[in-house]
Each structure stands twice: as structure tokens, then as C-alpha cells.
Amino acid sequence: MTASTLLFLPGAGGSASFWQPVADLLPEEWPRVLLSWPGLGNEPHDPDIQGIDDLVNIVSACIAMSPTRVDLIGQSMGGLIAIRAALRHTYRIRRLVLTGTSGGLPMETFNATDWRADYRRTYPNAAPWITETHADQTQDLPRLTTRTLLLWGTEDPISPPAVGEHLAAHLPNARLELIKGGDHAFPNTMPVETATAIAKHLA
């Protein structure tokens, strides 16, 4: 049994349901919270949410209210938020799981596919700031000493495996595991493989 609460962070799609298939496969006794992001994807807007920092504040509030330490599990943009929250709350975070995230790296370096046009077509009512956000956490990575599992799909064009390899080389306590055949949404479409890896890391 984990001595922590699992906090699931979705990507720019914003829906808590993204992580539901994985959460359903983890031990029932592990407490969990599945967050959504106001104004992203098809989620209702909140005028108080105007950027990534506001989403980090949502996570920070959940961490502060948790009666236990927290395991952060973040996909894509949720991974970037997880990194920022972990740097802010070092002693409250037990372990990290990052899947298919940029990690705050400059993605053009890795020949990553630009997701923004497709995102706008899929979610035309999403908050404008999401496709205008540029983050660079490169200098912060060596400070993130939390034990971290990096899960990457081998067929992810948005965050190629080279991104995971770079993060594994620059995070002091990280391990990379590849999900064969996984694309950017593999935690949702391949929940058995994802949950198995996560459970091993958190147990």
C-alpha cells in the first residue's frame, strides 16, 4: 500500500476522464484524485484560470489539503505542471510519473510534431492561452530529485522517445520505460501496460 495520495493530471485535453482507465486498474485502497483543467479541451471555463501558473496553483492547493504525501502522475502538459508543482513542494511529493511530456524542454530540438493546429480544430472553444504557452524548465531539471518514472510511447510524434531519454539523463533520480506501439495518448488507450508500470513504481 502506498503512503500517499495519487494525483492524476491530464494534458491539454483537460478532462479528468483521460486517466480513468488507468486509475480503475490500480489497487482500490490507493486514494486518488483525478483533476481536470478549466477552459481546456471541452471543460467549462473559469475566468480565474489564465495560464499554466494557475493550473500549478490548483495542484498546489490539492497538495496542501492532502492528509498524506502525494504521488503526481502527469501526461503531456500535465507532466510540465507536475514538474513545477514538485519543485514547489519538494518534501510533500513522494514520487513522480511523467508520460509523453515536454518536461519544459524546447521541443523543436527533438523534431516533435506541432500539436497546436490539430488541437484548435478539435477544441475550438478552448482557452487561447494554451496554444500560446512556451515553457523552458531546462535549468530546473537537476533540482528535481524526486524518484521519477518516465513512461513514453515508442510511436509518439508529439513527444518522441528522445525527449524521455533527455529527461532521464538530466533528472537525478529518473528511469525511462518505453511502451511499445504507444502514441501520445497511450495512457488512455493502453491502460493495462500503463497501470502495470505505474503500480510497480509506486508500490
N, C-alpha and C. Protein backbone atom coordinates (compact mmCIF):
# COMPACT_ATOMS: atom_id res chain seq x y z
N MET A 1 0.85 -1.20 0.00
CA MET A 1 0.00 0.00 0.00
C MET A 1 0.88 1.25 0.00
N THR A 2 0.51 2.24 -0.82
CA THR A 2 1.26 3.48 -0.82
C THR A 2 0.90 4.31 0.41
N ALA A 3 1.87 5.09 0.85
CA ALA A 3 1.63 6.01 1.96
C ALA A 3 1.39 7.40 1.40
N SER A 4 0.60 7.47 0.34
CA SER A 4 0.41 8.74 -0.35
C SER A 4 -0.91 8.74 -1.10
N THR A 5 -1.29 9.93 -1.56
CA THR A 5 -2.46 10.11 -2.42
C THR A 5 -2.00 10.28 -3.85
N LEU A 6 -2.65 9.58 -4.77
CA LEU A 6 -2.32 9.69 -6.18
C LEU A 6 -3.09 10.86 -6.79
N LEU A 7 -2.36 11.76 -7.42
CA LEU A 7 -2.97 12.94 -8.04
C LEU A 7 -2.69 12.87 -9.54
N PHE A 8 -3.76 12.64 -10.32
CA PHE A 8 -3.64 12.46 -11.77
C PHE A 8 -3.88 13.79 -12.49
N LEU A 9 -2.94 14.15 -13.37
CA LEU A 9 -3.00 15.42 -14.09
C LEU A 9 -3.10 15.14 -15.58
N PRO A 10 -4.18 15.58 -16.25
CA PRO A 10 -4.31 15.35 -17.69
C PRO A 10 -3.47 16.33 -18.49
N GLY A 11 -3.42 16.11 -19.79
CA GLY A 11 -2.75 17.04 -20.67
C GLY A 11 -3.68 18.17 -21.09
N ALA A 12 -3.41 18.77 -22.24
CA ALA A 12 -4.17 19.93 -22.69
C ALA A 12 -5.61 19.58 -23.04
N GLY A 13 -5.93 18.29 -23.19
CA GLY A 13 -7.32 17.90 -23.39
C GLY A 13 -8.18 18.25 -22.21
N GLY A 14 -7.57 18.34 -21.03
CA GLY A 14 -8.20 18.91 -19.86
C GLY A 14 -9.12 18.02 -19.07
N SER A 15 -9.49 16.86 -19.58
CA SER A 15 -10.52 16.05 -18.92
C SER A 15 -9.94 15.06 -17.92
N ALA A 16 -10.58 14.99 -16.75
CA ALA A 16 -10.19 14.01 -15.74
C ALA A 16 -10.38 12.59 -16.25
N SER A 17 -11.28 12.41 -17.20
CA SER A 17 -11.58 11.06 -17.70
C SER A 17 -10.40 10.44 -18.45
N PHE A 18 -9.44 11.26 -18.86
CA PHE A 18 -8.28 10.72 -19.58
C PHE A 18 -7.59 9.62 -18.77
N TRP A 19 -7.45 9.84 -17.46
CA TRP A 19 -6.73 8.91 -16.61
C TRP A 19 -7.61 7.84 -15.99
N GLN A 20 -8.92 7.89 -16.22
CA GLN A 20 -9.83 6.96 -15.54
C GLN A 20 -9.50 5.49 -15.82
N PRO A 21 -9.20 5.09 -17.07
CA PRO A 21 -8.90 3.68 -17.32
C PRO A 21 -7.71 3.16 -16.52
N VAL A 22 -6.69 4.00 -16.34
CA VAL A 22 -5.53 3.60 -15.55
C VAL A 22 -5.88 3.57 -14.06
N ALA A 23 -6.55 4.60 -13.60
CA ALA A 23 -6.92 4.66 -12.17
C ALA A 23 -7.76 3.46 -11.77
N ASP A 24 -8.63 3.01 -12.66
CA ASP A 24 -9.50 1.87 -12.36
C ASP A 24 -8.73 0.57 -12.19
N LEU A 25 -7.52 0.51 -12.74
CA LEU A 25 -6.73 -0.72 -12.68
C LEU A 25 -5.76 -0.76 -11.51
N LEU A 26 -5.60 0.35 -10.82
CA LEU A 26 -4.70 0.39 -9.68
C LEU A 26 -5.42 -0.08 -8.42
N PRO A 27 -4.68 -0.52 -7.40
CA PRO A 27 -5.32 -1.05 -6.18
C PRO A 27 -6.36 -0.11 -5.61
N GLU A 28 -7.52 -0.65 -5.26
CA GLU A 28 -8.64 0.18 -4.78
C GLU A 28 -8.29 0.95 -3.52
N GLU A 29 -7.38 0.40 -2.72
CA GLU A 29 -7.07 1.05 -1.44
C GLU A 29 -6.15 2.27 -1.60
N TRP A 30 -5.64 2.50 -2.80
CA TRP A 30 -4.80 3.67 -3.01
C TRP A 30 -5.69 4.89 -3.24
N PRO A 31 -5.68 5.88 -2.35
CA PRO A 31 -6.50 7.07 -2.56
C PRO A 31 -6.04 7.84 -3.78
N ARG A 32 -7.00 8.40 -4.52
CA ARG A 32 -6.66 9.07 -5.77
C ARG A 32 -7.58 10.25 -6.03
N VAL A 33 -7.05 11.23 -6.76
CA VAL A 33 -7.82 12.39 -7.20
C VAL A 33 -7.49 12.60 -8.67
N LEU A 34 -8.53 12.70 -9.50
CA LEU A 34 -8.35 12.94 -10.93
C LEU A 34 -8.76 14.38 -11.22
N LEU A 35 -7.81 15.20 -11.60
CA LEU A 35 -8.08 16.61 -11.85
C LEU A 35 -8.48 16.86 -13.30
N SER A 36 -9.21 17.95 -13.52
CA SER A 36 -9.48 18.47 -14.86
C SER A 36 -8.99 19.92 -14.89
N TRP A 37 -8.82 20.44 -16.11
CA TRP A 37 -8.31 21.81 -16.27
C TRP A 37 -9.39 22.72 -16.84
N PRO A 38 -9.87 23.68 -16.05
CA PRO A 38 -10.90 24.60 -16.54
C PRO A 38 -10.47 25.33 -17.81
N GLY A 39 -11.36 25.34 -18.79
CA GLY A 39 -11.11 26.08 -20.02
C GLY A 39 -10.33 25.34 -21.08
N LEU A 40 -9.86 24.14 -20.78
CA LEU A 40 -9.10 23.38 -21.77
C LEU A 40 -9.93 22.22 -22.29
N GLY A 41 -9.67 21.81 -23.54
CA GLY A 41 -10.49 20.78 -24.14
C GLY A 41 -11.93 21.25 -24.18
N ASN A 42 -12.82 20.43 -23.65
CA ASN A 42 -14.24 20.79 -23.58
C ASN A 42 -14.67 21.14 -22.16
N GLU A 43 -13.70 21.40 -21.28
CA GLU A 43 -14.04 21.72 -19.89
C GLU A 43 -14.57 23.16 -19.78
N PRO A 44 -15.51 23.38 -18.84
CA PRO A 44 -16.06 24.74 -18.65
C PRO A 44 -14.95 25.74 -18.29
N HIS A 45 -15.13 26.95 -18.75
CA HIS A 45 -14.14 28.00 -18.48
C HIS A 45 -14.27 28.53 -17.07
N ASP A 46 -13.15 29.03 -16.55
CA ASP A 46 -13.09 29.72 -15.26
C ASP A 46 -12.27 30.98 -15.50
N PRO A 47 -12.84 32.16 -15.29
CA PRO A 47 -12.10 33.40 -15.58
C PRO A 47 -10.84 33.56 -14.74
N ASP A 48 -10.73 32.83 -13.65
CA ASP A 48 -9.54 32.92 -12.81
C ASP A 48 -8.36 32.11 -13.36
N ILE A 49 -8.62 31.28 -14.36
CA ILE A 49 -7.57 30.45 -14.94
C ILE A 49 -7.11 31.07 -16.25
N GLN A 50 -5.90 31.63 -16.22
CA GLN A 50 -5.40 32.36 -17.38
C GLN A 50 -4.03 31.86 -17.86
N GLY A 51 -3.58 30.73 -17.34
CA GLY A 51 -2.29 30.23 -17.78
C GLY A 51 -1.83 29.03 -16.97
N ILE A 52 -0.67 28.51 -17.33
CA ILE A 52 -0.10 27.33 -16.68
C ILE A 52 0.08 27.56 -15.18
N ASP A 53 0.52 28.75 -14.81
CA ASP A 53 0.76 29.01 -13.38
C ASP A 53 -0.51 28.83 -12.56
N ASP A 54 -1.65 29.17 -13.13
CA ASP A 54 -2.91 29.00 -12.41
C ASP A 54 -3.24 27.52 -12.23
N LEU A 55 -2.87 26.68 -13.20
CA LEU A 55 -3.08 25.24 -13.06
C LEU A 55 -2.14 24.66 -12.02
N VAL A 56 -0.91 25.17 -11.98
CA VAL A 56 0.02 24.73 -10.93
C VAL A 56 -0.54 25.10 -9.56
N ASN A 57 -1.20 26.23 -9.47
CA ASN A 57 -1.81 26.63 -8.19
C ASN A 57 -2.93 25.68 -7.79
N ILE A 58 -3.69 25.17 -8.76
CA ILE A 58 -4.73 24.18 -8.46
C ILE A 58 -4.10 22.94 -7.84
N VAL A 59 -3.01 22.48 -8.45
CA VAL A 59 -2.32 21.30 -7.94
C VAL A 59 -1.74 21.59 -6.56
N SER A 60 -1.17 22.75 -6.38
CA SER A 60 -0.60 23.12 -5.09
C SER A 60 -1.65 23.09 -3.99
N ALA A 61 -2.84 23.55 -4.31
CA ALA A 61 -3.92 23.54 -3.33
C ALA A 61 -4.29 22.11 -2.95
N CYS A 62 -4.31 21.22 -3.93
CA CYS A 62 -4.61 19.80 -3.64
C CYS A 62 -3.52 19.18 -2.78
N ILE A 63 -2.27 19.52 -3.07
CA ILE A 63 -1.16 19.00 -2.27
C ILE A 63 -1.28 19.50 -0.83
N ALA A 64 -1.60 20.77 -0.66
CA ALA A 64 -1.71 21.34 0.67
C ALA A 64 -2.84 20.71 1.48
N MET A 65 -3.92 20.32 0.81
CA MET A 65 -5.07 19.74 1.50
C MET A 65 -4.93 18.25 1.75
N SER A 66 -3.98 17.60 1.09
CA SER A 66 -3.85 16.15 1.23
C SER A 66 -3.36 15.78 2.62
N PRO A 67 -3.98 14.78 3.25
CA PRO A 67 -3.52 14.35 4.58
C PRO A 67 -2.25 13.52 4.51
N THR A 68 -1.83 13.15 3.31
CA THR A 68 -0.62 12.35 3.11
C THR A 68 0.29 13.04 2.11
N ARG A 69 1.47 12.48 1.94
CA ARG A 69 2.30 12.92 0.82
C ARG A 69 1.59 12.53 -0.49
N VAL A 70 2.07 13.07 -1.59
CA VAL A 70 1.37 12.94 -2.87
C VAL A 70 2.29 12.32 -3.92
N ASP A 71 1.72 11.43 -4.73
CA ASP A 71 2.36 10.95 -5.95
C ASP A 71 1.70 11.68 -7.12
N LEU A 72 2.49 12.39 -7.91
CA LEU A 72 1.96 13.13 -9.05
C LEU A 72 2.13 12.31 -10.32
N ILE A 73 1.05 12.18 -11.10
CA ILE A 73 1.05 11.41 -12.33
C ILE A 73 0.53 12.33 -13.43
N GLY A 74 1.41 12.77 -14.32
CA GLY A 74 1.03 13.78 -15.29
C GLY A 74 1.34 13.38 -16.72
N GLN A 75 0.39 13.64 -17.61
CA GLN A 75 0.54 13.34 -19.04
C GLN A 75 0.72 14.63 -19.82
N SER A 76 1.68 14.65 -20.74
CA SER A 76 1.89 15.78 -21.64
C SER A 76 2.00 17.09 -20.86
N MET A 77 1.12 18.06 -21.08
CA MET A 77 1.18 19.30 -20.33
C MET A 77 1.04 19.06 -18.84
N GLY A 78 0.29 18.03 -18.46
CA GLY A 78 0.18 17.70 -17.03
C GLY A 78 1.50 17.30 -16.43
N GLY A 79 2.42 16.77 -17.26
CA GLY A 79 3.75 16.46 -16.77
C GLY A 79 4.55 17.71 -16.46
N LEU A 80 4.41 18.72 -17.30
CA LEU A 80 5.06 20.00 -17.04
C LEU A 80 4.53 20.60 -15.73
N ILE A 81 3.22 20.54 -15.55
CA ILE A 81 2.62 21.05 -14.31
C ILE A 81 3.12 20.26 -13.11
N ALA A 82 3.25 18.94 -13.28
CA ALA A 82 3.75 18.09 -12.20
C ALA A 82 5.17 18.48 -11.81
N ILE A 83 6.01 18.75 -12.81
CA ILE A 83 7.39 19.17 -12.53
C ILE A 83 7.40 20.47 -11.74
N ARG A 84 6.62 21.44 -12.18
CA ARG A 84 6.59 22.72 -11.47
C ARG A 84 6.07 22.57 -10.04
N ALA A 85 5.04 21.75 -9.88
CA ALA A 85 4.49 21.54 -8.54
C ALA A 85 5.49 20.80 -7.65
N ALA A 86 6.19 19.84 -8.21
CA ALA A 86 7.17 19.08 -7.43
C ALA A 86 8.33 19.97 -6.99
N LEU A 87 8.74 20.88 -7.84
CA LEU A 87 9.80 21.82 -7.46
C LEU A 87 9.34 22.77 -6.36
N ARG A 88 8.06 23.07 -6.35
CA ARG A 88 7.50 23.98 -5.36
C ARG A 88 7.26 23.28 -4.01
N HIS A 89 6.98 21.98 -4.06
CA HIS A 89 6.58 21.25 -2.85
C HIS A 89 7.44 19.99 -2.67
N THR A 90 8.75 20.18 -2.69
CA THR A 90 9.68 19.06 -2.72
C THR A 90 9.39 18.01 -1.66
N TYR A 91 9.14 18.42 -0.44
CA TYR A 91 9.02 17.45 0.66
C TYR A 91 7.63 16.85 0.78
N ARG A 92 6.69 17.33 -0.03
CA ARG A 92 5.34 16.78 0.01
C ARG A 92 5.10 15.78 -1.11
N ILE A 93 6.04 15.70 -2.06
CA ILE A 93 5.89 14.80 -3.20
C ILE A 93 6.72 13.55 -2.95
N ARG A 94 6.07 12.40 -2.98
CA ARG A 94 6.78 11.14 -2.75
C ARG A 94 7.40 10.63 -4.05
N ARG A 95 6.60 10.49 -5.11
CA ARG A 95 7.10 10.00 -6.38
C ARG A 95 6.38 10.70 -7.53
N LEU A 96 7.04 10.66 -8.69
CA LEU A 96 6.50 11.27 -9.91
C LEU A 96 6.38 10.22 -11.00
N VAL A 97 5.32 10.37 -11.82
CA VAL A 97 5.20 9.63 -13.07
C VAL A 97 4.93 10.66 -14.16
N LEU A 98 5.78 10.71 -15.16
CA LEU A 98 5.61 11.65 -16.27
C LEU A 98 5.47 10.85 -17.55
N THR A 99 4.40 11.13 -18.32
CA THR A 99 4.17 10.39 -19.56
C THR A 99 4.06 11.36 -20.74
N GLY A 100 4.86 11.12 -21.76
CA GLY A 100 4.77 11.87 -23.01
C GLY A 100 4.77 13.37 -22.83
N THR A 101 5.54 13.89 -21.90
CA THR A 101 5.54 15.32 -21.64
C THR A 101 6.72 16.00 -22.31
N SER A 102 6.61 17.29 -22.51
CA SER A 102 7.77 18.06 -22.98
C SER A 102 8.75 18.25 -21.83
N GLY A 103 8.23 18.21 -20.61
CA GLY A 103 9.07 18.45 -19.45
C GLY A 103 9.63 19.85 -19.41
N GLY A 104 9.05 20.73 -20.21
CA GLY A 104 9.57 22.09 -20.26
C GLY A 104 10.79 22.22 -21.14
N LEU A 105 11.02 21.26 -22.03
CA LEU A 105 12.15 21.32 -22.95
C LEU A 105 11.73 22.00 -24.26
N PRO A 106 12.66 22.62 -24.98
CA PRO A 106 12.35 23.20 -26.29
C PRO A 106 12.15 22.08 -27.30
N MET A 107 10.91 21.82 -27.68
CA MET A 107 10.58 20.62 -28.46
C MET A 107 11.10 20.65 -29.89
N GLU A 108 11.39 21.83 -30.42
CA GLU A 108 11.90 21.88 -31.79
C GLU A 108 13.25 21.15 -31.89
N THR A 109 13.95 21.05 -30.79
CA THR A 109 15.22 20.34 -30.77
C THR A 109 15.05 18.86 -31.09
N PHE A 110 13.85 18.32 -30.83
CA PHE A 110 13.61 16.89 -30.95
C PHE A 110 12.76 16.53 -32.18
N ASN A 111 12.60 17.49 -33.09
CA ASN A 111 11.80 17.27 -34.30
C ASN A 111 10.39 16.79 -33.95
N ALA A 112 9.82 17.35 -32.91
CA ALA A 112 8.48 16.97 -32.48
C ALA A 112 7.43 17.59 -33.38
N THR A 113 6.34 16.87 -33.59
CA THR A 113 5.22 17.37 -34.36
C THR A 113 4.50 18.47 -33.58
N ASP A 114 4.21 19.57 -34.25
CA ASP A 114 3.48 20.67 -33.62
C ASP A 114 2.01 20.28 -33.50
N TRP A 115 1.51 20.25 -32.27
CA TRP A 115 0.17 19.77 -31.96
C TRP A 115 -0.90 20.86 -32.01
N ARG A 116 -0.49 22.10 -32.10
CA ARG A 116 -1.42 23.20 -31.83
C ARG A 116 -2.54 23.35 -32.85
N ALA A 117 -2.24 23.18 -34.13
CA ALA A 117 -3.29 23.33 -35.15
C ALA A 117 -4.36 22.25 -34.99
N ASP A 118 -3.94 21.01 -34.79
CA ASP A 118 -4.90 19.93 -34.59
C ASP A 118 -5.72 20.16 -33.33
N TYR A 119 -5.07 20.67 -32.30
CA TYR A 119 -5.78 20.94 -31.04
C TYR A 119 -6.88 21.97 -31.26
N ARG A 120 -6.56 23.04 -32.00
CA ARG A 120 -7.54 24.09 -32.24
C ARG A 120 -8.73 23.58 -33.05
N ARG A 121 -8.46 22.69 -33.98
CA ARG A 121 -9.56 22.12 -34.76
C ARG A 121 -10.45 21.23 -33.88
N THR A 122 -9.83 20.49 -32.97
CA THR A 122 -10.58 19.58 -32.10
C THR A 122 -11.31 20.32 -31.00
N TYR A 123 -10.68 21.35 -30.46
CA TYR A 123 -11.25 22.09 -29.32
C TYR A 123 -11.29 23.59 -29.64
N PRO A 124 -12.17 24.01 -30.53
CA PRO A 124 -12.18 25.42 -30.96
C PRO A 124 -12.53 26.39 -29.85
N ASN A 125 -13.16 25.91 -28.78
CA ASN A 125 -13.56 26.81 -27.70
C ASN A 125 -12.60 26.80 -26.52
N ALA A 126 -11.49 26.11 -26.66
CA ALA A 126 -10.51 26.07 -25.57
C ALA A 126 -9.88 27.45 -25.37
N ALA A 127 -9.41 27.69 -24.17
CA ALA A 127 -8.80 28.98 -23.82
C ALA A 127 -7.63 29.28 -24.77
N PRO A 128 -7.56 30.50 -25.30
CA PRO A 128 -6.50 30.84 -26.27
C PRO A 128 -5.09 30.66 -25.73
N TRP A 129 -4.89 30.86 -24.42
CA TRP A 129 -3.53 30.85 -23.89
C TRP A 129 -2.85 29.50 -24.03
N ILE A 130 -3.62 28.41 -24.15
CA ILE A 130 -3.00 27.09 -24.14
C ILE A 130 -2.07 26.88 -25.34
N THR A 131 -2.40 27.44 -26.49
CA THR A 131 -1.54 27.26 -27.66
C THR A 131 -0.54 28.41 -27.82
N GLU A 132 -0.51 29.30 -26.85
CA GLU A 132 0.44 30.41 -26.87
C GLU A 132 1.50 30.27 -25.78
N THR A 133 1.41 29.19 -25.00
CA THR A 133 2.30 28.99 -23.86
C THR A 133 3.63 28.41 -24.31
N HIS A 134 4.71 29.01 -23.83
CA HIS A 134 6.05 28.48 -24.10
C HIS A 134 6.79 28.40 -22.76
N ALA A 135 7.23 27.20 -22.42
CA ALA A 135 7.89 26.99 -21.14
C ALA A 135 9.26 26.38 -21.34
N ASP A 136 10.21 26.80 -20.55
CA ASP A 136 11.55 26.20 -20.59
C ASP A 136 12.00 25.95 -19.15
N GLN A 137 11.97 24.68 -18.77
CA GLN A 137 12.36 24.28 -17.41
C GLN A 137 13.74 23.62 -17.40
N THR A 138 14.49 23.74 -18.49
CA THR A 138 15.75 23.02 -18.63
C THR A 138 16.67 23.23 -17.44
N GLN A 139 16.81 24.46 -17.00
CA GLN A 139 17.74 24.76 -15.91
C GLN A 139 17.28 24.21 -14.56
N ASP A 140 15.97 23.89 -14.46
CA ASP A 140 15.43 23.43 -13.19
C ASP A 140 15.53 21.92 -13.00
N LEU A 141 15.73 21.18 -14.09
CA LEU A 141 15.67 19.72 -14.01
C LEU A 141 16.64 19.10 -13.00
N PRO A 142 17.89 19.57 -12.90
CA PRO A 142 18.80 18.95 -11.93
C PRO A 142 18.35 19.09 -10.49
N ARG A 143 17.47 20.04 -10.20
CA ARG A 143 16.99 20.23 -8.83
C ARG A 143 15.86 19.28 -8.46
N LEU A 144 15.31 18.58 -9.45
CA LEU A 144 14.17 17.71 -9.21
C LEU A 144 14.68 16.31 -8.86
N THR A 145 14.84 16.06 -7.58
CA THR A 145 15.44 14.81 -7.11
C THR A 145 14.41 13.74 -6.76
N THR A 146 13.14 14.04 -6.91
CA THR A 146 12.07 13.08 -6.62
C THR A 146 12.23 11.84 -7.51
N ARG A 147 11.99 10.67 -6.93
CA ARG A 147 12.07 9.43 -7.71
C ARG A 147 11.01 9.47 -8.80
N THR A 148 11.43 9.34 -10.06
CA THR A 148 10.56 9.61 -11.20
C THR A 148 10.57 8.46 -12.20
N LEU A 149 9.37 8.06 -12.62
CA LEU A 149 9.21 7.13 -13.73
C LEU A 149 8.81 7.92 -14.97
N LEU A 150 9.58 7.77 -16.04
CA LEU A 150 9.28 8.38 -17.32
C LEU A 150 8.71 7.30 -18.23
N LEU A 151 7.44 7.44 -18.61
CA LEU A 151 6.78 6.48 -19.49
C LEU A 151 6.57 7.14 -20.85
N TRP A 152 7.07 6.48 -21.89
CA TRP A 152 6.98 7.06 -23.23
C TRP A 152 6.47 6.03 -24.23
N GLY A 153 5.63 6.47 -25.15
CA GLY A 153 5.20 5.63 -26.26
C GLY A 153 6.25 5.65 -27.36
N THR A 154 6.54 4.50 -27.93
CA THR A 154 7.56 4.45 -28.98
C THR A 154 7.12 5.13 -30.26
N GLU A 155 5.79 5.34 -30.43
CA GLU A 155 5.27 5.94 -31.66
C GLU A 155 4.63 7.31 -31.40
N ASP A 156 5.19 8.04 -30.46
CA ASP A 156 4.64 9.35 -30.09
C ASP A 156 5.32 10.44 -30.93
N PRO A 157 4.60 11.08 -31.88
CA PRO A 157 5.22 12.12 -32.69
C PRO A 157 5.28 13.47 -31.97
N ILE A 158 4.41 13.66 -30.98
CA ILE A 158 4.32 14.94 -30.29
C ILE A 158 5.42 15.08 -29.24
N SER A 159 5.70 14.00 -28.54
CA SER A 159 6.83 13.96 -27.61
C SER A 159 7.60 12.67 -27.87
N PRO A 160 8.51 12.68 -28.83
CA PRO A 160 9.23 11.47 -29.22
C PRO A 160 10.05 10.88 -28.07
N PRO A 161 10.38 9.59 -28.15
CA PRO A 161 11.17 8.95 -27.10
C PRO A 161 12.47 9.69 -26.77
N ALA A 162 13.02 10.41 -27.72
CA ALA A 162 14.26 11.17 -27.45
C ALA A 162 14.05 12.20 -26.34
N VAL A 163 12.83 12.69 -26.20
CA VAL A 163 12.54 13.63 -25.11
C VAL A 163 12.66 12.91 -23.77
N GLY A 164 12.07 11.71 -23.69
CA GLY A 164 12.18 10.93 -22.48
C GLY A 164 13.62 10.58 -22.15
N GLU A 165 14.41 10.27 -23.19
CA GLU A 165 15.82 9.95 -22.98
C GLU A 165 16.57 11.16 -22.42
N HIS A 166 16.25 12.34 -22.94
CA HIS A 166 16.89 13.56 -22.45
C HIS A 166 16.53 13.81 -20.99
N LEU A 167 15.25 13.66 -20.67
CA LEU A 167 14.84 13.87 -19.28
C LEU A 167 15.50 12.85 -18.35
N ALA A 168 15.60 11.60 -18.80
CA ALA A 168 16.23 10.57 -17.98
C ALA A 168 17.69 10.90 -17.70
N ALA A 169 18.33 11.56 -18.65
CA ALA A 169 19.74 11.91 -18.49
C ALA A 169 19.95 13.12 -17.60
N HIS A 170 18.91 13.96 -17.44
CA HIS A 170 19.08 15.21 -16.70
C HIS A 170 18.32 15.27 -15.38
N LEU A 171 17.39 14.36 -15.16
CA LEU A 171 16.75 14.27 -13.86
C LEU A 171 17.57 13.31 -12.99
N PRO A 172 17.96 13.72 -11.80
CA PRO A 172 18.90 12.93 -11.00
C PRO A 172 18.40 11.56 -10.57
N ASN A 173 17.08 11.37 -10.50
CA ASN A 173 16.56 10.12 -9.94
C ASN A 173 15.41 9.59 -10.80
N ALA A 174 15.66 9.49 -12.12
CA ALA A 174 14.60 9.11 -13.06
C ALA A 174 14.99 7.86 -13.83
N ARG A 175 13.96 7.14 -14.25
CA ARG A 175 14.12 5.93 -15.06
C ARG A 175 13.12 5.98 -16.21
N LEU A 176 13.58 5.66 -17.42
CA LEU A 176 12.73 5.69 -18.61
C LEU A 176 12.27 4.28 -18.95
N GLU A 177 10.97 4.16 -19.22
CA GLU A 177 10.40 2.89 -19.69
C GLU A 177 9.56 3.19 -20.93
N LEU A 178 9.77 2.41 -21.99
CA LEU A 178 9.06 2.63 -23.25
C LEU A 178 7.87 1.68 -23.36
N ILE A 179 6.75 2.21 -23.85
CA ILE A 179 5.55 1.42 -24.12
C ILE A 179 5.50 1.17 -25.62
N LYS A 180 5.76 -0.06 -26.04
CA LYS A 180 5.85 -0.38 -27.45
C LYS A 180 4.52 -0.12 -28.17
N GLY A 181 4.59 0.64 -29.25
CA GLY A 181 3.41 0.95 -30.04
C GLY A 181 2.58 2.10 -29.51
N GLY A 182 2.97 2.66 -28.39
CA GLY A 182 2.18 3.73 -27.79
C GLY A 182 2.33 5.05 -28.51
N ASP A 183 1.20 5.75 -28.71
CA ASP A 183 1.25 7.10 -29.27
C ASP A 183 1.15 8.11 -28.13
N HIS A 184 0.79 9.34 -28.42
CA HIS A 184 0.80 10.37 -27.38
C HIS A 184 -0.26 10.12 -26.31
N ALA A 185 -1.34 9.46 -26.69
CA ALA A 185 -2.45 9.21 -25.75
C ALA A 185 -2.39 7.82 -25.13
N PHE A 186 -1.24 7.16 -25.15
CA PHE A 186 -1.19 5.76 -24.74
C PHE A 186 -1.69 5.47 -23.33
N PRO A 187 -1.57 6.39 -22.34
CA PRO A 187 -2.12 6.04 -21.03
C PRO A 187 -3.62 5.75 -21.08
N ASN A 188 -4.33 6.43 -21.99
CA ASN A 188 -5.77 6.23 -22.13
C ASN A 188 -6.10 5.04 -23.00
N THR A 189 -5.30 4.80 -24.04
CA THR A 189 -5.61 3.73 -24.99
C THR A 189 -4.93 2.41 -24.66
N MET A 190 -3.90 2.46 -23.82
CA MET A 190 -3.18 1.25 -23.41
C MET A 190 -3.08 1.23 -21.88
N PRO A 191 -4.24 1.19 -21.19
CA PRO A 191 -4.22 1.35 -19.74
C PRO A 191 -3.58 0.20 -18.98
N VAL A 192 -3.66 -1.02 -19.51
CA VAL A 192 -3.09 -2.17 -18.79
C VAL A 192 -1.58 -2.03 -18.69
N GLU A 193 -0.93 -1.76 -19.82
CA GLU A 193 0.52 -1.58 -19.81
C GLU A 193 0.92 -0.39 -18.94
N THR A 194 0.15 0.68 -19.03
CA THR A 194 0.47 1.89 -18.26
C THR A 194 0.29 1.65 -16.77
N ALA A 195 -0.83 1.07 -16.38
CA ALA A 195 -1.11 0.84 -14.96
C ALA A 195 -0.10 -0.13 -14.36
N THR A 196 0.31 -1.14 -15.12
CA THR A 196 1.29 -2.10 -14.62
C THR A 196 2.60 -1.41 -14.26
N ALA A 197 3.06 -0.54 -15.15
CA ALA A 197 4.31 0.18 -14.91
C ALA A 197 4.18 1.15 -13.75
N ILE A 198 3.06 1.84 -13.67
CA ILE A 198 2.85 2.81 -12.60
C ILE A 198 2.75 2.11 -11.25
N ALA A 199 2.02 1.02 -11.20
CA ALA A 199 1.86 0.29 -9.93
C ALA A 199 3.20 -0.19 -9.41
N LYS A 200 4.05 -0.67 -10.29
CA LYS A 200 5.37 -1.13 -9.87
C LYS A 200 6.19 0.00 -9.31
N HIS A 201 6.10 1.16 -9.93
CA HIS A 201 6.87 2.34 -9.49
C HIS A 201 6.37 2.87 -8.14
N LEU A 202 5.07 2.82 -7.92
CA LEU A 202 4.51 3.42 -6.71
C LEU A 202 4.43 2.47 -5.52
N ALA A 203 4.44 1.18 -5.79
CA ALA A 203 4.23 0.21 -4.71
C ALA A 203 5.38 0.25 -3.70
